[in-house]
C-alpha atoms as a PDB file:
ATOM      1  CA  MET A   1      14.437 -32.884   2.810  1.00  0.00           C
ATOM      2  CA  GLY A   2      17.931 -34.031   3.836  1.00  0.00           C
ATOM      3  CA  PHE A   3      20.904 -33.495   1.545  1.00  0.00           C
ATOM      4  CA  LEU A   4      21.312 -37.128   0.432  1.00  0.00           C
ATOM      5  CA  LYS A   5      17.584 -37.605  -0.068  1.00  0.00           C
ATOM      6  CA  LYS A   6      17.245 -34.397  -2.106  1.00  0.00           C
ATOM      7  CA  PHE A   7      20.290 -35.174  -4.236  1.00  0.00           C
ATOM      8  CA  HIS A   8      19.036 -38.695  -4.948  1.00  0.00           C
ATOM      9  CA  TYR A   9      15.567 -37.393  -5.784  1.00  0.00           C
ATOM     10  CA  PHE A  10      16.899 -35.033  -8.436  1.00  0.00           C
ATOM     11  CA  TYR A  11      19.353 -37.617  -9.750  1.00  0.00           C
ATOM     12  CA  THR A  12      16.639 -40.228 -10.269  1.00  0.00           C
ATOM     13  CA  HIS A  13      13.816 -37.924 -11.400  1.00  0.00           C
ATOM     14  CA  GLN A  14      15.483 -35.461 -13.774  1.00  0.00           C
ATOM     15  CA  ASN A  15      14.479 -36.048 -17.388  1.00  0.00           C
ATOM     16  CA  ASP A  16      17.998 -36.630 -18.751  1.00  0.00           C
ATOM     17  CA  ASP A  17      19.474 -39.846 -20.157  1.00  0.00           C
ATOM     18  CA  ILE A  18      22.853 -38.951 -18.644  1.00  0.00           C
ATOM     19  CA  LEU A  19      21.397 -39.523 -15.179  1.00  0.00           C
ATOM     20  CA  ASN A  20      19.794 -42.455 -13.403  1.00  0.00           C
ATOM     21  CA  LYS A  21      22.611 -44.818 -14.391  1.00  0.00           C
ATOM     22  CA  ASN A  22      24.145 -46.335 -11.261  1.00  0.00           C
ATOM     23  CA  ILE A  23      25.342 -45.604  -7.751  1.00  0.00           C
ATOM     24  CA  PHE A  24      28.931 -45.020  -8.888  1.00  0.00           C
ATOM     25  CA  HIS A  25      27.874 -42.299 -11.319  1.00  0.00           C
ATOM     26  CA  GLU A  26      25.700 -40.714  -8.641  1.00  0.00           C
ATOM     27  CA  CYS A  27      28.614 -40.680  -6.183  1.00  0.00           C
ATOM     28  CA  TRP A  28      30.858 -39.101  -8.809  1.00  0.00           C
ATOM     29  CA  LEU A  29      28.310 -36.360  -9.440  1.00  0.00           C
ATOM     30  CA  MET A  30      27.987 -35.778  -5.719  1.00  0.00           C
ATOM     31  CA  ILE A  31      31.723 -35.031  -5.576  1.00  0.00           C
ATOM     32  CA  ASP A  32      31.348 -32.762  -8.601  1.00  0.00           C
ATOM     33  CA  TYR A  33      28.445 -31.012  -6.905  1.00  0.00           C
ATOM     34  CA  PHE A  34      30.583 -30.172  -3.850  1.00  0.00           C
ATOM     35  CA  VAL A  35      33.176 -28.650  -6.174  1.00  0.00           C
ATOM     36  CA  ALA A  36      30.466 -26.632  -7.935  1.00  0.00           C
ATOM     37  CA  PHE A  37      29.129 -25.489  -4.569  1.00  0.00           C
ATOM     38  CA  LEU A  38      32.543 -24.312  -3.397  1.00  0.00           C
ATOM     39  CA  VAL A  39      33.497 -22.608  -6.648  1.00  0.00           C
ATOM     40  CA  HIS A  40      30.153 -21.295  -7.914  1.00  0.00           C
ATOM     41  CA  GLY A  41      27.889 -21.352  -4.876  1.00  0.00           C
ATOM     42  CA  CYS A  42      25.223 -23.489  -6.535  1.00  0.00           C
ATOM     43  CA  SER A  43      22.466 -25.299  -4.675  1.00  0.00           C
ATOM     44  CA  ILE A  44      21.415 -28.881  -5.416  1.00  0.00           C
ATOM     45  CA  THR A  45      18.458 -27.514  -7.355  1.00  0.00           C
ATOM     46  CA  ASN A  46      20.756 -25.220  -9.371  1.00  0.00           C
ATOM     47  CA  TYR A  47      23.054 -28.135 -10.127  1.00  0.00           C
ATOM     48  CA  PHE A  48      20.326 -30.301 -11.651  1.00  0.00           C
ATOM     49  CA  VAL A  49      17.912 -27.728 -13.078  1.00  0.00           C
ATOM     50  CA  TYR A  50      20.662 -25.866 -14.948  1.00  0.00           C
ATOM     51  CA  GLY A  51      22.486 -29.064 -15.894  1.00  0.00           C
ATOM     52  CA  PHE A  52      25.759 -28.177 -14.164  1.00  0.00           C
ATOM     53  CA  TYR A  53      26.631 -31.894 -14.196  1.00  0.00           C
ATOM     54  CA  LYS A  54      27.319 -31.594 -17.954  1.00  0.00           C
ATOM     55  CA  MET A  55      28.888 -28.105 -18.019  1.00  0.00           C
ATOM     56  CA  ARG A  56      32.450 -26.907 -17.912  1.00  0.00           C
ATOM     57  CA  HIS A  57      33.644 -24.261 -15.476  1.00  0.00           C
ATOM     58  CA  ALA A  58      33.323 -21.369 -17.972  1.00  0.00           C
ATOM     59  CA  GLU A  59      29.669 -22.151 -18.659  1.00  0.00           C
ATOM     60  CA  ARG A  60      28.855 -22.488 -14.956  1.00  0.00           C
ATOM     61  CA  GLU A  61      30.328 -19.026 -14.408  1.00  0.00           C
ATOM     62  CA  LYS A  62      27.513 -17.502 -16.463  1.00  0.00           C
ATOM     63  CA  TYR A  63      24.641 -18.557 -14.198  1.00  0.00           C
ATOM     64  CA  VAL A  64      23.062 -16.787 -11.256  1.00  0.00           C
ATOM     65  CA  THR A  65      23.475 -19.467  -8.582  1.00  0.00           C
ATOM     66  CA  TRP A  66      22.294 -19.533  -4.982  1.00  0.00           C
ATOM     67  CA  ARG A  67      25.356 -17.552  -3.799  1.00  0.00           C
ATOM     68  CA  ARG A  68      25.223 -15.054  -6.659  1.00  0.00           C
ATOM     69  CA  GLN A  69      21.531 -14.411  -6.187  1.00  0.00           C
ATOM     70  CA  ARG A  70      22.197 -13.611  -2.536  1.00  0.00           C
ATOM     71  CA  TRP A  71      24.670 -10.978  -3.720  1.00  0.00           C
ATOM     72  CA  ILE A  72      21.961  -9.528  -5.989  1.00  0.00           C
ATOM     73  CA  TYR A  73      19.431  -9.443  -3.147  1.00  0.00           C
ATOM     74  CA  ARG A  74      21.900  -7.771  -0.769  1.00  0.00           C
ATOM     75  CA  ARG A  75      23.024  -5.242  -3.352  1.00  0.00           C
ATOM     76  CA  CYS A  76      19.543  -4.266  -4.519  1.00  0.00           C
ATOM     77  CA  ASN A  77      17.087  -4.747  -1.685  1.00  0.00           C
ATOM     78  CA  GLN A  78      17.215  -3.277   1.790  1.00  0.00           C
ATOM     79  CA  LYS A  79      16.336  -6.205   4.037  1.00  0.00           C
ATOM     80  CA  GLU A  80      14.233  -4.202   6.473  1.00  0.00           C
ATOM     81  CA  TYR A  81      11.820  -3.349   3.643  1.00  0.00           C
ATOM     82  CA  GLY A  82      11.385  -6.933   2.435  1.00  0.00           C
ATOM     83  CA  TYR A  83       8.135  -7.342   4.374  1.00  0.00           C
ATOM     84  CA  LEU A  84       6.476  -4.897   1.976  1.00  0.00           C
ATOM     85  CA  LEU A  85       6.608  -7.556  -0.749  1.00  0.00           C
ATOM     86  CA  ARG A  86       6.368 -10.595   1.512  1.00  0.00           C
ATOM     87  CA  ASP A  87       3.159  -9.727   3.349  1.00  0.00           C
ATOM     88  CA  LYS A  88       0.214  -9.710   0.908  1.00  0.00           C
ATOM     89  CA  ASP A  89      -1.600  -7.190   3.101  1.00  0.00           C
ATOM     90  CA  HIS A  90       1.174  -4.664   2.448  1.00  0.00           C
ATOM     91  CA  ILE A  91       1.470  -5.647  -1.221  1.00  0.00           C
ATOM     92  CA  ASN A  92      -2.218  -5.018  -1.831  1.00  0.00           C
ATOM     93  CA  ARG A  93      -2.323  -1.756   0.069  1.00  0.00           C
ATOM     94  CA  ILE A  94       0.782  -0.321  -1.616  1.00  0.00           C
ATOM     95  CA  PHE A  95      -0.013  -1.563  -5.121  1.00  0.00           C
ATOM     96  CA  ASP A  96      -3.799  -1.230  -4.988  1.00  0.00           C
ATOM     97  CA  PRO A  97      -3.974   0.946  -8.155  1.00  0.00           C
ATOM     98  CA  TYR A  98      -2.195  -1.833 -10.078  1.00  0.00           C
ATOM     99  CA  LEU A  99      -4.355  -4.731  -8.819  1.00  0.00           C
ATOM    100  CA  LYS A 100      -7.509  -3.527 -10.586  1.00  0.00           C
ATOM    101  CA  ARG A 101      -9.738  -5.903  -8.619  1.00  0.00           C
ATOM    102  CA  ASP A 102     -11.724  -6.154  -5.401  1.00  0.00           C
ATOM    103  CA  TRP A 103      -9.974  -7.605  -2.325  1.00  0.00           C
ATOM    104  CA  MET A 104     -10.275  -7.836   1.452  1.00  0.00           C
ATOM    105  CA  LEU A 105      -8.542  -9.305   4.510  1.00  0.00           C
ATOM    106  CA  THR A 106     -10.352 -11.813   6.708  1.00  0.00           C
ATOM    107  CA  ARG A 107      -8.884 -11.169  10.170  1.00  0.00           C
ATOM    108  CA  GLY A 108     -11.263  -8.932  12.074  1.00  0.00           C
ATOM    109  CA  MET A 109     -13.661  -8.573   9.162  1.00  0.00           C
ATOM    110  CA  GLN A 110     -17.284  -7.666   9.754  1.00  0.00           C
ATOM    111  CA  ARG A 111     -19.990 -10.102   8.649  1.00  0.00           C
ATOM    112  CA  SER A 112     -21.737  -7.406   6.599  1.00  0.00           C
ATOM    113  CA  THR A 113     -18.486  -6.509   4.817  1.00  0.00           C
ATOM    114  CA  PHE A 114     -17.804 -10.164   4.038  1.00  0.00           C
ATOM    115  CA  MET A 115     -21.302 -10.771   2.688  1.00  0.00           C
ATOM    116  CA  ALA A 116     -21.061  -7.644   0.526  1.00  0.00           C
ATOM    117  CA  PHE A 117     -17.767  -8.947  -0.886  1.00  0.00           C
ATOM    118  CA  LEU A 118     -19.411 -12.267  -1.787  1.00  0.00           C
ATOM    119  CA  GLU A 119     -22.269 -10.423  -3.432  1.00  0.00           C
ATOM    120  CA  ARG A 120     -19.853  -8.495  -5.636  1.00  0.00           C
ATOM    121  CA  ASN A 121     -17.503 -11.434  -6.227  1.00  0.00           C
ATOM    122  CA  PRO A 122     -19.223 -14.834  -6.485  1.00  0.00           C
ATOM    123  CA  GLU A 123     -15.882 -16.311  -7.639  1.00  0.00           C
ATOM    124  CA  PHE A 124     -12.742 -15.383  -5.748  1.00  0.00           C
ATOM    125  CA  ILE A 125      -9.304 -16.565  -4.670  1.00  0.00           C
ATOM    126  CA  VAL A 126      -8.316 -17.299  -1.059  1.00  0.00           C
ATOM    127  CA  LYS A 127      -4.622 -17.150  -0.173  1.00  0.00           C
ATOM    128  CA  PRO A 128      -2.565 -16.903   3.037  1.00  0.00           C
ATOM    129  CA  VAL A 129      -1.328 -13.383   3.757  1.00  0.00           C
ATOM    130  CA  LEU A 130       2.193 -14.734   4.278  1.00  0.00           C
ATOM    131  CA  GLY A 131       2.029 -17.599   1.777  1.00  0.00           C
ATOM    132  CA  THR A 132       4.783 -18.337  -0.749  1.00  0.00           C
ATOM    133  CA  GLU A 133       5.244 -20.389  -3.929  1.00  0.00           C
ATOM    134  CA  GLY A 134       1.524 -20.642  -4.580  1.00  0.00           C
ATOM    135  CA  ARG A 135       0.870 -22.890  -1.582  1.00  0.00           C
ATOM    136  CA  ASP A 136      -2.602 -23.172  -0.011  1.00  0.00           C
ATOM    137  CA  ILE A 137      -4.309 -21.062  -2.680  1.00  0.00           C
ATOM    138  CA  GLN A 138      -7.940 -21.934  -3.318  1.00  0.00           C
ATOM    139  CA  LYS A 139     -10.528 -20.820  -5.843  1.00  0.00           C
ATOM    140  CA  ILE A 140     -13.969 -20.472  -4.262  1.00  0.00           C
ATOM    141  CA  SER A 141     -17.361 -20.142  -5.913  1.00  0.00           C
ATOM    142  CA  VAL A 142     -20.353 -19.226  -3.775  1.00  0.00           C
ATOM    143  CA  GLU A 143     -22.845 -19.623  -6.602  1.00  0.00           C
ATOM    144  CA  GLY A 144     -25.661 -21.780  -5.256  1.00  0.00           C
ATOM    145  CA  MET A 145     -24.536 -21.557  -1.602  1.00  0.00           C
ATOM    146  CA  ASP A 146     -27.236 -20.823   0.956  1.00  0.00           C
ATOM    147  CA  ASP A 147     -26.935 -18.442   3.907  1.00  0.00           C
ATOM    148  CA  ASP A 148     -25.785 -21.188   6.280  1.00  0.00           C
ATOM    149  CA  GLU A 149     -22.922 -22.140   3.947  1.00  0.00           C
ATOM    150  CA  THR A 150     -21.695 -18.580   3.461  1.00  0.00           C
ATOM    151  CA  SER A 151     -21.986 -17.974   7.215  1.00  0.00           C
ATOM    152  CA  ALA A 152     -19.846 -21.052   7.785  1.00  0.00           C
ATOM    153  CA  LEU A 153     -17.158 -19.513   5.552  1.00  0.00           C
ATOM    154  CA  PHE A 154     -17.268 -16.330   7.616  1.00  0.00           C
ATOM    155  CA  ASP A 155     -16.959 -18.258  10.886  1.00  0.00           C
ATOM    156  CA  ARG A 156     -14.047 -20.329   9.506  1.00  0.00           C
ATOM    157  CA  TRP A 157     -12.039 -17.457   8.044  1.00  0.00           C
ATOM    158  CA  SER A 158     -12.699 -14.490  10.335  1.00  0.00           C
ATOM    159  CA  GLY A 159      -9.949 -15.533  12.748  1.00  0.00           C
ATOM    160  CA  GLU A 160      -7.377 -16.375  10.065  1.00  0.00           C
ATOM    161  CA  ASP A 161      -4.873 -14.224   8.176  1.00  0.00           C
ATOM    162  CA  LEU A 162      -6.218 -14.703   4.674  1.00  0.00           C
ATOM    163  CA  LEU A 163      -6.555 -12.521   1.616  1.00  0.00           C
ATOM    164  CA  LEU A 164      -9.652 -12.721  -0.581  1.00  0.00           C
ATOM    165  CA  GLU A 165      -9.412 -11.420  -4.143  1.00  0.00           C
ATOM    166  CA  ARG A 166     -11.847 -11.328  -7.038  1.00  0.00           C
ATOM    167  CA  TYR A 167     -10.956 -14.068  -9.517  1.00  0.00           C
ATOM    168  CA  ILE A 168      -9.129 -12.689 -12.557  1.00  0.00           C
ATOM    169  CA  ARG A 169     -10.648 -13.363 -15.978  1.00  0.00           C
ATOM    170  CA  GLN A 170      -7.508 -13.710 -18.070  1.00  0.00           C
ATOM    171  CA  HIS A 171      -7.128 -12.980 -21.770  1.00  0.00           C
ATOM    172  CA  PRO A 172      -8.417 -15.827 -23.992  1.00  0.00           C
ATOM    173  CA  VAL A 173      -4.932 -16.398 -25.475  1.00  0.00           C
ATOM    174  CA  LEU A 174      -3.544 -17.244 -22.033  1.00  0.00           C
ATOM    175  CA  ASN A 175      -6.690 -18.948 -20.814  1.00  0.00           C
ATOM    176  CA  ALA A 176      -6.499 -21.459 -23.674  1.00  0.00           C
ATOM    177  CA  LEU A 177      -3.177 -22.819 -22.385  1.00  0.00           C
ATOM    178  CA  HIS A 178      -4.554 -23.985 -19.024  1.00  0.00           C
ATOM    179  CA  PRO A 179      -7.969 -22.579 -18.053  1.00  0.00           C
ATOM    180  CA  SER A 180      -7.873 -23.673 -14.401  1.00  0.00           C
ATOM    181  CA  SER A 181      -4.989 -21.361 -13.494  1.00  0.00           C
ATOM    182  CA  VAL A 182      -4.301 -17.704 -14.136  1.00  0.00           C
ATOM    183  CA  ASN A 183      -1.211 -18.075 -16.325  1.00  0.00           C
ATOM    184  CA  THR A 184       1.002 -15.163 -15.436  1.00  0.00           C
ATOM    185  CA  ILE A 185       4.002 -13.411 -16.913  1.00  0.00           C
ATOM    186  CA  ARG A 186       6.962 -13.219 -14.514  1.00  0.00           C
ATOM    187  CA  VAL A 187       8.672  -9.967 -15.442  1.00  0.00           C
ATOM    188  CA  THR A 188      11.871  -9.202 -13.550  1.00  0.00           C
ATOM    189  CA  THR A 189      13.021  -5.608 -13.119  1.00  0.00           C
ATOM    190  CA  VAL A 190      16.104  -3.922 -11.703  1.00  0.00           C
ATOM    191  CA  ARG A 191      16.226  -0.216 -10.974  1.00  0.00           C
ATOM    192  CA  ASN A 192      19.446   1.780 -11.126  1.00  0.00           C
ATOM    193  CA  HIS A 193      20.164   5.506 -11.534  1.00  0.00           C
ATOM    194  CA  ARG A 194      19.211   5.275 -15.212  1.00  0.00           C
ATOM    195  CA  GLY A 195      15.710   3.978 -14.442  1.00  0.00           C
ATOM    196  CA  VAL A 196      13.816   0.688 -14.207  1.00  0.00           C
ATOM    197  CA  HIS A 197      15.116  -2.038 -16.529  1.00  0.00           C
ATOM    198  CA  VAL A 198      13.059  -5.012 -17.679  1.00  0.00           C
ATOM    199  CA  MET A 199      15.590  -7.833 -17.410  1.00  0.00           C
ATOM    200  CA  THR A 200      13.721 -11.042 -18.239  1.00  0.00           C
ATOM    201  CA  ALA A 201      10.222 -12.329 -18.874  1.00  0.00           C
ATOM    202  CA  ALA A 202       8.743 -15.808 -18.671  1.00  0.00           C
ATOM    203  CA  LEU A 203       5.290 -17.272 -19.181  1.00  0.00           C
ATOM    204  CA  ARG A 204       4.154 -19.471 -16.293  1.00  0.00           C
ATOM    205  CA  MET A 205       1.442 -22.089 -16.806  1.00  0.00           C
ATOM    206  CA  GLY A 206      -0.390 -24.371 -14.409  1.00  0.00           C
ATOM    207  CA  ARG A 207      -0.849 -28.127 -14.781  1.00  0.00           C
ATOM    208  CA  PHE A 208      -3.232 -30.915 -13.777  1.00  0.00           C
ATOM    209  CA  GLY A 209      -6.147 -28.514 -13.243  1.00  0.00           C
ATOM    210  CA  ALA A 210      -4.329 -26.671 -10.435  1.00  0.00           C
ATOM    211  CA  VAL A 211      -5.307 -23.111  -9.541  1.00  0.00           C
ATOM    212  CA  MET A 212      -1.700 -21.926  -9.317  1.00  0.00           C
ATOM    213  CA  ASP A 213       0.877 -21.682 -12.105  1.00  0.00           C
ATOM    214  CA  ASN A 214       3.928 -21.796  -9.841  1.00  0.00           C
ATOM    215  CA  TYR A 215       7.082 -23.429 -11.232  1.00  0.00           C
ATOM    216  CA  THR A 216       8.193 -24.724  -7.843  1.00  0.00           C
ATOM    217  CA  THR A 217       4.933 -26.637  -7.333  1.00  0.00           C
ATOM    218  CA  GLY A 218       4.777 -28.428 -10.692  1.00  0.00           C
ATOM    219  CA  GLY A 219       3.990 -25.672 -13.191  1.00  0.00           C
ATOM    220  CA  ILE A 220       5.569 -25.048 -16.589  1.00  0.00           C
ATOM    221  CA  VAL A 221       7.645 -22.028 -17.606  1.00  0.00           C
ATOM    222  CA  ALA A 222       8.756 -20.765 -21.025  1.00  0.00           C
ATOM    223  CA  ALA A 223      10.904 -17.776 -22.001  1.00  0.00           C
ATOM    224  CA  VAL A 224       9.398 -14.658 -23.579  1.00  0.00           C
ATOM    225  CA  ASP A 225      11.320 -12.471 -26.022  1.00  0.00           C
ATOM    226  CA  LEU A 226      11.588  -8.990 -24.523  1.00  0.00           C
ATOM    227  CA  VAL A 227      11.317  -7.188 -27.857  1.00  0.00           C
ATOM    228  CA  THR A 228       8.372  -9.007 -29.417  1.00  0.00           C
ATOM    229  CA  GLY A 229       6.574 -10.598 -26.440  1.00  0.00           C
ATOM    230  CA  ILE A 230       6.587 -13.949 -28.249  1.00  0.00           C
ATOM    231  CA  VAL A 231       7.315 -17.200 -26.364  1.00  0.00           C
ATOM    232  CA  PHE A 232      10.440 -18.545 -28.054  1.00  0.00           C
ATOM    233  CA  THR A 233      11.241 -21.699 -26.074  1.00  0.00           C
ATOM    234  CA  PRO A 234       9.329 -24.865 -25.238  1.00  0.00           C
ATOM    235  CA  GLY A 235       7.946 -25.073 -21.731  1.00  0.00           C
ATOM    236  CA  VAL A 236       9.975 -26.824 -19.032  1.00  0.00           C
ATOM    237  CA  ASN A 237       9.264 -27.961 -15.511  1.00  0.00           C
ATOM    238  CA  LYS A 238      11.556 -28.368 -12.533  1.00  0.00           C
ATOM    239  CA  LEU A 239      12.391 -31.967 -13.517  1.00  0.00           C
ATOM    240  CA  ASN A 240      13.545 -30.811 -16.962  1.00  0.00           C
ATOM    241  CA  GLU A 241      10.620 -32.278 -18.876  1.00  0.00           C
ATOM    242  CA  THR A 242      10.096 -30.304 -22.088  1.00  0.00           C
ATOM    243  CA  PHE A 243       6.728 -29.376 -23.606  1.00  0.00           C
ATOM    244  CA  VAL A 244       6.230 -27.949 -27.095  1.00  0.00           C
ATOM    245  CA  VAL A 245       2.470 -28.002 -26.453  1.00  0.00           C
ATOM    246  CA  HIS A 246       0.737 -27.860 -23.105  1.00  0.00           C
ATOM    247  CA  PRO A 247       0.391 -31.504 -21.979  1.00  0.00           C
ATOM    248  CA  GLU A 248      -3.186 -31.104 -20.717  1.00  0.00           C
ATOM    249  CA  THR A 249      -4.747 -28.859 -23.364  1.00  0.00           C
ATOM    250  CA  GLY A 250      -2.571 -29.569 -26.406  1.00  0.00           C
ATOM    251  CA  VAL A 251      -2.254 -25.828 -27.101  1.00  0.00           C
ATOM    252  CA  PRO A 252       1.144 -24.868 -28.632  1.00  0.00           C
ATOM    253  CA  ILE A 253       3.454 -23.046 -26.231  1.00  0.00           C
ATOM    254  CA  VAL A 254       6.158 -21.931 -28.645  1.00  0.00           C
ATOM    255  CA  GLY A 255       5.004 -18.903 -30.604  1.00  0.00           C
ATOM    256  CA  VAL A 256       2.376 -17.622 -28.173  1.00  0.00           C
ATOM    257  CA  GLN A 257       2.142 -13.848 -28.463  1.00  0.00           C
ATOM    258  CA  ILE A 258       1.656 -12.257 -25.056  1.00  0.00           C
ATOM    259  CA  PRO A 259      -1.274  -9.821 -25.415  1.00  0.00           C
ATOM    260  CA  PHE A 260      -0.652  -6.120 -24.691  1.00  0.00           C
ATOM    261  CA  TRP A 261       3.096  -6.783 -24.591  1.00  0.00           C
ATOM    262  CA  GLU A 262       4.277  -3.165 -24.720  1.00  0.00           C
ATOM    263  CA  ASP A 263       1.754  -2.322 -22.007  1.00  0.00           C
ATOM    264  CA  VAL A 264       3.053  -5.222 -19.887  1.00  0.00           C
ATOM    265  CA  LYS A 265       6.615  -3.879 -20.048  1.00  0.00           C
ATOM    266  CA  THR A 266       5.554  -0.319 -19.241  1.00  0.00           C
ATOM    267  CA  PHE A 267       3.391  -1.655 -16.411  1.00  0.00           C
ATOM    268  CA  ALA A 268       6.370  -3.566 -14.937  1.00  0.00           C
ATOM    269  CA  GLN A 269       8.584  -0.485 -15.121  1.00  0.00           C
ATOM    270  CA  SER A 270       5.960   1.514 -13.236  1.00  0.00           C
ATOM    271  CA  LEU A 271       5.800  -1.200 -10.568  1.00  0.00           C
ATOM    272  CA  GLY A 272       9.579  -1.187 -10.221  1.00  0.00           C
ATOM    273  CA  SER A 273       9.611   2.471  -9.226  1.00  0.00           C
ATOM    274  CA  VAL A 274       7.070   2.243  -6.384  1.00  0.00           C
ATOM    275  CA  ILE A 275       9.348   1.145  -3.500  1.00  0.00           C
ATOM    276  CA  PRO A 276      12.753   2.901  -3.733  1.00  0.00           C
ATOM    277  CA  GLU A 277      14.346   0.540  -1.191  1.00  0.00           C
ATOM    278  CA  ILE A 278      13.562  -2.566  -3.316  1.00  0.00           C
ATOM    279  CA  ARG A 279      15.418  -2.391  -6.634  1.00  0.00           C
ATOM    280  CA  TYR A 280      15.215  -6.052  -7.737  1.00  0.00           C
ATOM    281  CA  THR A 281      11.752  -7.630  -8.061  1.00  0.00           C
ATOM    282  CA  GLY A 282      10.023 -10.427  -9.920  1.00  0.00           C
ATOM    283  CA  TRP A 283       6.509  -9.260 -10.820  1.00  0.00           C
ATOM    284  CA  ASP A 284       3.707 -11.753 -11.448  1.00  0.00           C
ATOM    285  CA  ILE A 285       1.508 -10.048 -14.019  1.00  0.00           C
ATOM    286  CA  ALA A 286      -1.766 -11.367 -15.410  1.00  0.00           C
ATOM    287  CA  VAL A 287      -3.224 -10.101 -18.668  1.00  0.00           C
ATOM    288  CA  THR A 288      -6.965  -9.573 -19.060  1.00  0.00           C
ATOM    289  CA  GLU A 289      -8.879  -8.406 -22.123  1.00  0.00           C
ATOM    290  CA  GLU A 290      -8.396  -4.854 -20.785  1.00  0.00           C
ATOM    291  CA  GLY A 291      -4.630  -5.162 -20.219  1.00  0.00           C
ATOM    292  CA  PRO A 292      -2.115  -6.105 -17.500  1.00  0.00           C
ATOM    293  CA  VAL A 293      -2.926  -6.419 -13.784  1.00  0.00           C
ATOM    294  CA  LEU A 294      -0.645  -7.223 -10.869  1.00  0.00           C
ATOM    295  CA  LEU A 295      -0.909 -10.455  -8.897  1.00  0.00           C
ATOM    296  CA  GLU A 296       2.064  -9.813  -6.609  1.00  0.00           C
ATOM    297  CA  GLY A 297       5.716  -8.840  -6.396  1.00  0.00           C
ATOM    298  CA  ASN A 298       8.581 -11.080  -5.254  1.00  0.00           C
ATOM    299  CA  TYR A 299      11.586  -9.298  -3.790  1.00  0.00           C
ATOM    300  CA  ARG A 300      13.491 -12.584  -4.084  1.00  0.00           C
ATOM    301  CA  GLY A 301      12.149 -13.620  -7.472  1.00  0.00           C
ATOM    302  CA  ASN A 302      13.209 -17.107  -8.566  1.00  0.00           C
ATOM    303  CA  PHE A 303      16.155 -17.231 -10.993  1.00  0.00           C
ATOM    304  CA  HIS A 304      15.250 -20.745 -12.175  1.00  0.00           C
ATOM    305  CA  VAL A 305      12.239 -19.217 -13.937  1.00  0.00           C
ATOM    306  CA  GLN A 306      14.591 -16.795 -15.686  1.00  0.00           C
ATOM    307  CA  GLN A 307      17.452 -19.097 -16.692  1.00  0.00           C
ATOM    308  CA  HIS A 308      16.013 -22.586 -17.104  1.00  0.00           C
ATOM    309  CA  PRO A 309      13.696 -22.222 -20.145  1.00  0.00           C
ATOM    310  CA  ASP A 310      16.339 -20.834 -22.525  1.00  0.00           C
ATOM    311  CA  HIS A 311      19.303 -22.540 -20.760  1.00  0.00           C
ATOM    312  CA  THR A 312      21.147 -19.228 -20.672  1.00  0.00           C
ATOM    313  CA  GLY A 313      23.059 -17.903 -17.672  1.00  0.00           C
ATOM    314  CA  LYS A 314      22.286 -14.260 -16.918  1.00  0.00           C
ATOM    315  CA  TYR A 315      24.681 -13.349 -14.103  1.00  0.00           C
ATOM    316  CA  GLU A 316      26.800 -10.946 -16.160  1.00  0.00           C
ATOM    317  CA  MET A 317      23.706  -9.140 -17.468  1.00  0.00           C
ATOM    318  CA  PHE A 318      22.396  -8.573 -13.943  1.00  0.00           C
ATOM    319  CA  ARG A 319      25.821  -7.632 -12.591  1.00  0.00           C
ATOM    320  CA  ARG A 320      26.313  -4.936 -15.250  1.00  0.00           C
ATOM    321  CA  VAL A 321      22.918  -3.319 -14.653  1.00  0.00           C
ATOM    322  CA  ILE A 322      23.195  -3.479 -10.863  1.00  0.00           C
ATOM    323  CA  GLN A 323      26.710  -2.057 -10.716  1.00  0.00           C
ATOM    324  CA  ASN A 324      25.654   0.755 -13.032  1.00  0.00           C
ATOM    325  CA  ASN A 325      23.900   2.130  -9.992  1.00  0.00           C
ATOM    326  CA  GLU A 326      27.224   3.618  -8.981  1.00  0.00           C
ATOM    327  CA  VAL A 327      26.979   7.224 -10.223  1.00  0.00           C
END
């Protein structure tokens, strides 16, 4: 999407009465955006999602923007190890003890292995090995399929780079919000010489019956209190629409208690110590009736998920913890 088209899209679609006035106001904000880009390094998405168009300089200074997040990535994560959290093959192999579910890769698979997987897992998720932002994820059920239909799946997938995983049965508290998606907790950790620190947590929820709960593809996110594990903000989406209850199910968002919260935090800290070369990670954690399980790790975890729901900039908090790595 070109610059002018993207800027106009956000200007006309953001849920804010200040916007969508006239072309002169839009042009004025475009000038202000260029100033914010030069001074604070914000992207167009940062500018609208965080509401920079109604902030003073001092408030803008508090946010992790596009430029500041690049500093965090460079400072914390060795680039040559990024593939370990980008390629789902590597993620699953390295973090297999934390996945707690059956999985397999399709490229080069044997027919007998595939059929045995289907036998064990009549419902499963299919996702690209190198996919991002929840794109191209499918939920498949083979209940009622005959041999020809399952053979057709084998023939279609055996030459592709796909990951098959047993479908996660999430905890009823989270399932009630939006049953079609596994509604995960994004827990962000930073490791320094003092250990692994849980920095932020957010509940992500799907919409419109989608399988994924991803914020960038239309999902809802709400902030979770790190001490109590209680959701303390309404849900928001990328266009700044606010939801006190989930719009599809009517289940209240504010006040949800994340099950097994202390276990979730301990689980995230364990994950953050696995790859020494990656010190900043956003972990997507699902919670079942038995406790937390890992979906995946994001070595460039989205800061919108962390700063948008509670409208609080967190740059100074991250900077202090990261720079504490200097012994």
